[in-house]
Amino acid sequence: MRSISNKLGTNEESARPILKLVTPPAMTKSTWRSEEQTHELQLTFDELALIYKSLQAAKALGALPPQDELLNDTIQLVDQALNRAA
């Protein structure tokens, strides 16, 4: 993620592919739970970078507990998506 900050603000951003989270393959009845839902999102590189920065700010400002597993997992997921798109 260190290189993402350097890449923001360049003209290359408009040529970047749109990132897309896709739904997983259909679940069997034995693994399906009624409370689970999946959704498809399409985000530009800029939008994903903004989400990453917002998550980092929330962590730095202590908006959530320092060991919040969901926050850390989400930051890691967004970081991986940014690195794949870069």
Protein backbone atom coordinates (compact mmCIF):
# COMPACT_ATOMS: atom_id res chain seq x y z
CA MET A 1 0.00 0.00 0.00
CA ARG A 2 3.00 2.28 0.35
CA SER A 3 3.03 2.93 -3.40
CA ILE A 4 -0.70 3.74 -3.60
CA SER A 5 -0.24 7.21 -2.11
CA ASN A 6 2.34 8.01 -4.78
CA LYS A 7 0.04 6.85 -7.57
CA LEU A 8 -2.96 8.92 -6.54
CA GLY A 9 -3.31 12.16 -8.42
CA THR A 10 -1.75 10.91 -11.66
CA ASN A 11 -3.44 10.69 -15.03
CA GLU A 12 -3.03 6.91 -15.02
CA GLU A 13 -6.03 6.58 -12.70
CA SER A 14 -8.56 7.05 -15.47
CA ALA A 15 -7.04 4.13 -17.39
CA ARG A 16 -7.26 1.74 -14.43
CA PRO A 17 -9.75 -1.10 -14.61
CA ILE A 18 -12.86 -0.94 -12.47
CA LEU A 19 -12.55 -3.29 -9.53
CA LYS A 20 -15.41 -5.63 -8.93
CA LEU A 21 -16.30 -7.87 -6.01
CA VAL A 22 -18.23 -10.85 -7.28
CA THR A 23 -20.57 -13.21 -5.50
CA PRO A 24 -19.14 -16.62 -4.64
CA PRO A 25 -20.43 -19.79 -6.29
CA ALA A 26 -23.83 -21.00 -5.12
CA MET A 27 -23.84 -22.64 -1.72
CA THR A 28 -25.28 -26.02 -1.01
CA LYS A 29 -28.17 -26.27 1.40
CA SER A 30 -25.88 -27.73 4.05
CA THR A 31 -23.59 -24.64 4.05
CA TRP A 32 -26.20 -21.94 3.43
CA ARG A 33 -27.35 -19.81 6.33
CA SER A 34 -30.36 -17.56 6.02
CA GLU A 35 -28.60 -14.56 7.60
CA GLU A 36 -25.77 -14.54 5.03
CA GLN A 37 -26.16 -12.32 2.00
CA THR A 38 -23.76 -11.49 -0.80
CA HIS A 39 -23.75 -8.38 -2.96
CA GLU A 40 -21.78 -7.28 -5.97
CA LEU A 41 -19.93 -3.96 -5.84
CA GLN A 42 -18.17 -2.13 -8.62
CA LEU A 43 -15.65 0.45 -7.44
CA THR A 44 -13.13 2.60 -9.25
CA PHE A 45 -9.52 2.61 -8.11
CA ASP A 46 -10.04 6.09 -6.62
CA GLU A 47 -13.09 4.96 -4.65
CA LEU A 48 -11.24 1.94 -3.28
CA ALA A 49 -8.24 4.11 -2.35
CA LEU A 50 -10.58 6.50 -0.51
CA ILE A 51 -12.13 3.58 1.39
CA TYR A 52 -8.64 2.40 2.35
CA LYS A 53 -7.65 5.85 3.61
CA SER A 54 -10.91 6.14 5.57
CA LEU A 55 -10.37 2.78 7.24
CA GLN A 56 -6.80 3.73 8.13
CA ALA A 57 -8.03 7.05 9.57
CA ALA A 58 -10.69 5.30 11.66
CA LYS A 59 -8.02 2.98 13.03
CA ALA A 60 -5.54 5.82 13.70
CA LEU A 61 -8.16 7.98 15.42
CA GLY A 62 -9.21 5.11 17.65
CA ALA A 63 -12.81 5.15 16.42
CA LEU A 64 -12.88 1.38 16.98
CA PRO A 65 -11.04 -0.81 19.45
CA PRO A 66 -7.36 -1.20 18.44
CA GLN A 67 -7.68 -4.94 17.97
CA ASP A 68 -10.93 -4.81 15.98
CA GLU A 69 -10.66 -7.93 13.82
CA LEU A 70 -13.26 -6.83 11.28
CA LEU A 71 -11.51 -3.49 10.73
CA ASN A 72 -8.11 -5.15 10.30
CA ASP A 73 -9.52 -7.80 7.95
CA THR A 74 -11.28 -5.15 5.87
CA ILE A 75 -8.12 -3.05 5.61
CA GLN A 76 -6.20 -6.13 4.49
CA LEU A 77 -8.85 -7.02 1.88
CA VAL A 78 -8.93 -3.50 0.45
CA ASP A 79 -5.11 -3.40 0.41
CA GLN A 80 -5.01 -6.66 -1.58
CA ALA A 81 -7.55 -5.33 -4.08
CA LEU A 82 -5.54 -2.12 -4.53
CA ASN A 83 -2.32 -4.04 -5.09
CA ARG A 84 -3.98 -6.28 -7.70
CA ALA A 85 -5.30 -3.22 -9.52
CA ALA A 86 -2.01 -1.30 -9.43
